[in-house]
Amino acid sequence: MIADCTAVILAGGDSRRMGQDKAMLSLHGRTLLQHVTDSVGQVFSQVIVSVREPRAGLALPQVCDALPDGGPLAGLAAALESIETPWLFAVGCDMPFMSSGVIEALGSRRAGHQAVVPVVQGHPQPLAAFYARDCLDAIRDIQAGGGKRSLRALLERLDVCYVDEAQLREFDPQLRSFFDLDTPADVAVVSNGVS
């Protein structure tokens, strides 16, 4: 267990490409949200869900975005404002195969940094990453200043430890942790056991 960190599952998106609420989408008899909850629950004793508005029937604590249509940055801000731990691990609700080994490997690299972000196929993965609570100042600054309100803009302002694909493969050889389900075709691939 990583005791000084709270996990937040981001479940407030539009799910436009999926055509339905991704968090409640069923995969192998359980919702995507349940899959992700089970994964992070192996590593963190505190788990919360970031939503745009409260969801009925969730057993986990929920935090609501302060800014409507603020995207993942608003969800991250709301989560960082609500936690009591010095660190937050953020993961999307559409990443049902997140490995506890990957999470622990990322968590072991936090010292001296504000964020730890995996890089897969040359792309940072800000929704499978650790953030220090002091990132909140940078987020508020981005939200107040106009311009691009994105996780990428946030990473440009932080001291980030990037963890490359080769290091991640030690814990997840096929990098399944970073397979996110964005479309019905993605779900079909996973349901048929192809991924």
Protein backbone atom coordinates (compact mmCIF):
# COMPACT_ATOMS: atom_id res chain seq x y z
CA MET A 1 0.00 0.00 0.00
CA ILE A 2 1.09 3.55 -0.74
CA ALA A 3 -0.10 5.30 2.41
CA ASP A 4 0.72 8.93 1.58
CA CYS A 5 -1.42 9.03 -1.54
CA THR A 6 -5.10 9.03 -2.53
CA ALA A 7 -6.25 7.54 -5.82
CA VAL A 8 -8.76 9.47 -7.92
CA ILE A 9 -10.66 7.82 -10.75
CA LEU A 10 -11.67 10.45 -13.30
CA ALA A 11 -15.22 9.68 -14.41
CA GLY A 12 -16.60 13.03 -15.50
CA GLY A 13 -15.96 12.99 -19.23
CA ASP A 14 -18.45 13.23 -22.07
CA SER A 15 -17.66 9.78 -23.53
CA ARG A 16 -18.47 11.24 -26.96
CA ARG A 17 -16.54 8.65 -28.97
CA MET A 18 -18.01 5.80 -26.92
CA GLY A 19 -21.57 7.07 -27.33
CA GLN A 20 -22.47 6.17 -23.73
CA ASP A 21 -21.15 6.67 -20.20
CA LYS A 22 -17.79 4.87 -20.12
CA ALA A 23 -17.69 4.51 -16.35
CA MET A 24 -20.85 2.37 -16.33
CA LEU A 25 -19.98 0.36 -19.45
CA SER A 26 -19.93 -3.38 -18.75
CA LEU A 27 -16.81 -5.45 -19.44
CA HIS A 28 -16.75 -9.11 -18.43
CA GLY A 29 -19.72 -8.61 -16.11
CA ARG A 30 -18.45 -5.54 -14.25
CA THR A 31 -18.41 -1.85 -15.04
CA LEU A 32 -15.21 -0.15 -16.18
CA LEU A 33 -15.37 1.89 -12.98
CA GLN A 34 -15.43 -1.32 -10.92
CA HIS A 35 -12.42 -2.70 -12.80
CA VAL A 36 -10.40 0.46 -12.15
CA THR A 37 -11.57 0.62 -8.52
CA ASP A 38 -10.36 -2.94 -7.95
CA SER A 39 -6.98 -2.16 -9.54
CA VAL A 40 -6.23 0.96 -7.52
CA GLY A 41 -7.76 -0.51 -4.37
CA GLN A 42 -4.87 -2.99 -4.26
CA VAL A 43 -2.41 -0.11 -3.87
CA PHE A 44 -4.29 2.71 -2.11
CA SER A 45 -6.48 2.64 0.99
CA GLN A 46 -8.15 5.90 -0.06
CA VAL A 47 -9.97 6.00 -3.39
CA ILE A 48 -12.28 8.77 -4.65
CA VAL A 49 -14.15 9.36 -7.90
CA SER A 50 -14.05 12.67 -9.78
CA VAL A 51 -17.38 13.51 -11.43
CA ARG A 52 -19.03 16.50 -13.04
CA GLU A 53 -22.16 15.95 -10.98
CA PRO A 54 -22.93 13.38 -8.26
CA ARG A 55 -23.58 9.82 -9.42
CA ALA A 56 -26.22 7.72 -7.68
CA GLY A 57 -25.30 4.29 -6.38
CA LEU A 58 -21.54 4.77 -5.93
CA ALA A 59 -20.05 3.51 -2.70
CA LEU A 60 -16.88 5.58 -3.11
CA PRO A 61 -16.59 9.23 -2.07
CA GLN A 62 -17.17 11.61 -4.98
CA VAL A 63 -15.72 15.04 -5.75
CA CYS A 64 -17.43 17.34 -8.23
CA ASP A 65 -15.73 19.68 -10.68
CA ALA A 66 -15.92 23.32 -9.63
CA LEU A 67 -15.75 24.49 -13.25
CA PRO A 68 -18.31 23.18 -15.74
CA ASP A 69 -16.73 21.83 -18.91
CA GLY A 70 -13.29 22.17 -17.35
CA GLY A 71 -12.16 18.77 -18.60
CA PRO A 72 -9.71 16.51 -16.78
CA LEU A 73 -7.87 19.53 -15.38
CA ALA A 74 -11.00 20.52 -13.43
CA GLY A 75 -11.35 16.97 -12.14
CA LEU A 76 -7.74 16.91 -11.04
CA ALA A 77 -8.14 20.28 -9.30
CA ALA A 78 -11.26 19.16 -7.42
CA ALA A 79 -9.52 15.98 -6.31
CA LEU A 80 -6.36 17.78 -5.15
CA GLU A 81 -8.49 20.24 -3.19
CA SER A 82 -10.34 17.44 -1.42
CA ILE A 83 -7.52 15.10 -0.36
CA GLU A 84 -5.64 15.05 2.92
CA THR A 85 -2.65 13.11 1.62
CA PRO A 86 0.35 14.90 0.06
CA TRP A 87 0.01 12.91 -3.19
CA LEU A 88 -2.69 11.95 -5.65
CA PHE A 89 -2.67 9.16 -8.24
CA ALA A 90 -4.99 10.04 -11.12
CA VAL A 91 -6.37 7.39 -13.46
CA GLY A 92 -9.10 7.44 -16.10
CA CYS A 93 -12.20 5.30 -15.61
CA ASP A 94 -11.59 3.84 -19.07
CA MET A 95 -8.31 2.11 -18.10
CA PRO A 96 -9.50 -1.22 -16.68
CA PHE A 97 -6.15 -3.02 -16.83
CA MET A 98 -4.03 -0.73 -14.65
CA SER A 99 -1.35 -2.87 -13.02
CA SER A 100 -0.50 -2.52 -9.34
CA GLY A 101 3.15 -3.17 -10.27
CA VAL A 102 3.14 -0.21 -12.67
CA ILE A 103 1.50 2.04 -10.06
CA GLU A 104 4.05 1.06 -7.41
CA ALA A 105 6.96 1.56 -9.84
CA LEU A 106 5.72 5.04 -10.69
CA GLY A 107 5.15 5.81 -7.01
CA SER A 108 8.73 4.89 -6.15
CA ARG A 109 10.00 7.75 -8.35
CA ARG A 110 8.19 10.64 -6.62
CA ALA A 111 11.05 12.00 -4.48
CA GLY A 112 12.06 15.50 -5.53
CA HIS A 113 9.33 15.85 -8.17
CA GLN A 114 5.84 17.33 -8.42
CA ALA A 115 4.57 14.64 -10.77
CA VAL A 116 5.49 11.21 -12.09
CA VAL A 117 4.15 10.53 -15.56
CA PRO A 118 4.55 7.43 -17.72
CA VAL A 119 5.42 7.81 -21.40
CA VAL A 120 4.02 5.24 -23.85
CA GLN A 121 4.80 5.29 -27.59
CA GLY A 122 6.35 8.71 -27.11
CA HIS A 123 3.23 10.20 -25.47
CA PRO A 124 2.94 11.26 -21.82
CA GLN A 125 0.06 9.56 -19.99
CA PRO A 126 -1.20 12.25 -17.57
CA LEU A 127 -4.24 10.17 -16.61
CA ALA A 128 -2.14 7.38 -15.14
CA ALA A 129 0.15 9.58 -13.07
CA PHE A 130 1.10 10.84 -9.64
CA TYR A 131 0.65 14.49 -8.69
CA ALA A 132 1.83 16.28 -5.54
CA ARG A 133 -0.80 18.37 -3.80
CA ASP A 134 1.28 21.49 -4.46
CA CYS A 135 0.43 21.14 -8.17
CA LEU A 136 -2.82 22.86 -7.29
CA ASP A 137 -1.26 26.32 -7.55
CA ALA A 138 -0.18 25.68 -11.15
CA ILE A 139 -3.64 24.33 -12.03
CA ARG A 140 -5.37 27.38 -10.57
CA ASP A 141 -3.00 29.64 -12.47
CA ILE A 142 -3.82 27.85 -15.75
CA GLN A 143 -7.55 27.98 -15.03
CA ALA A 144 -7.43 31.70 -14.25
CA GLY A 145 -5.22 32.74 -17.13
CA GLY A 146 -7.13 31.65 -20.18
CA GLY A 147 -5.16 29.87 -22.84
CA LYS A 148 -5.11 26.11 -23.11
CA ARG A 149 -6.57 24.44 -20.04
CA SER A 150 -5.02 21.03 -20.57
CA LEU A 151 -3.09 18.45 -18.64
CA ARG A 152 -0.26 18.89 -21.13
CA ALA A 153 -0.10 22.62 -20.27
CA LEU A 154 0.06 21.64 -16.60
CA LEU A 155 2.96 19.22 -17.14
CA GLU A 156 4.93 22.03 -18.83
CA ARG A 157 4.80 23.96 -15.55
CA LEU A 158 5.75 21.14 -13.19
CA ASP A 159 8.91 19.30 -12.18
CA VAL A 160 7.99 15.98 -13.77
CA CYS A 161 9.72 12.63 -13.60
CA TYR A 162 8.90 10.92 -16.90
CA VAL A 163 9.07 7.12 -16.86
CA ASP A 164 9.79 5.56 -20.23
CA GLU A 165 8.24 2.54 -21.86
CA ALA A 166 11.23 0.27 -21.28
CA GLN A 167 11.00 0.78 -17.52
CA LEU A 168 7.23 0.23 -17.56
CA ARG A 169 7.54 -3.04 -19.49
CA GLU A 170 9.41 -4.56 -16.54
CA PHE A 171 6.08 -4.52 -14.68
CA ASP A 172 3.63 -4.76 -17.58
CA PRO A 173 5.31 -6.37 -20.63
CA GLN A 174 2.40 -5.64 -23.00
CA LEU A 175 1.64 -2.21 -21.47
CA ARG A 176 -2.00 -3.24 -20.98
CA SER A 177 -2.20 -0.71 -18.13
CA PHE A 178 -2.30 2.05 -20.73
CA PHE A 179 -4.97 0.57 -22.98
CA ASP A 180 -7.91 2.94 -22.64
CA LEU A 181 -11.33 2.15 -23.99
CA ASP A 182 -12.46 5.15 -26.04
CA THR A 183 -14.72 3.59 -28.67
CA PRO A 184 -17.10 0.64 -29.07
CA ALA A 185 -14.40 -0.95 -31.28
CA ASP A 186 -11.93 -0.82 -28.36
CA VAL A 187 -14.46 -2.60 -26.15
CA ALA A 188 -15.09 -5.23 -28.83
CA VAL A 189 -11.36 -5.95 -29.09
CA VAL A 190 -11.03 -6.39 -25.32
CA SER A 191 -14.26 -8.38 -25.00
CA ASN A 192 -12.99 -10.81 -27.63
CA GLY A 193 -9.73 -11.21 -25.76
CA VAL A 194 -7.59 -9.73 -28.52
CA SER A 195 -5.78 -7.02 -26.53
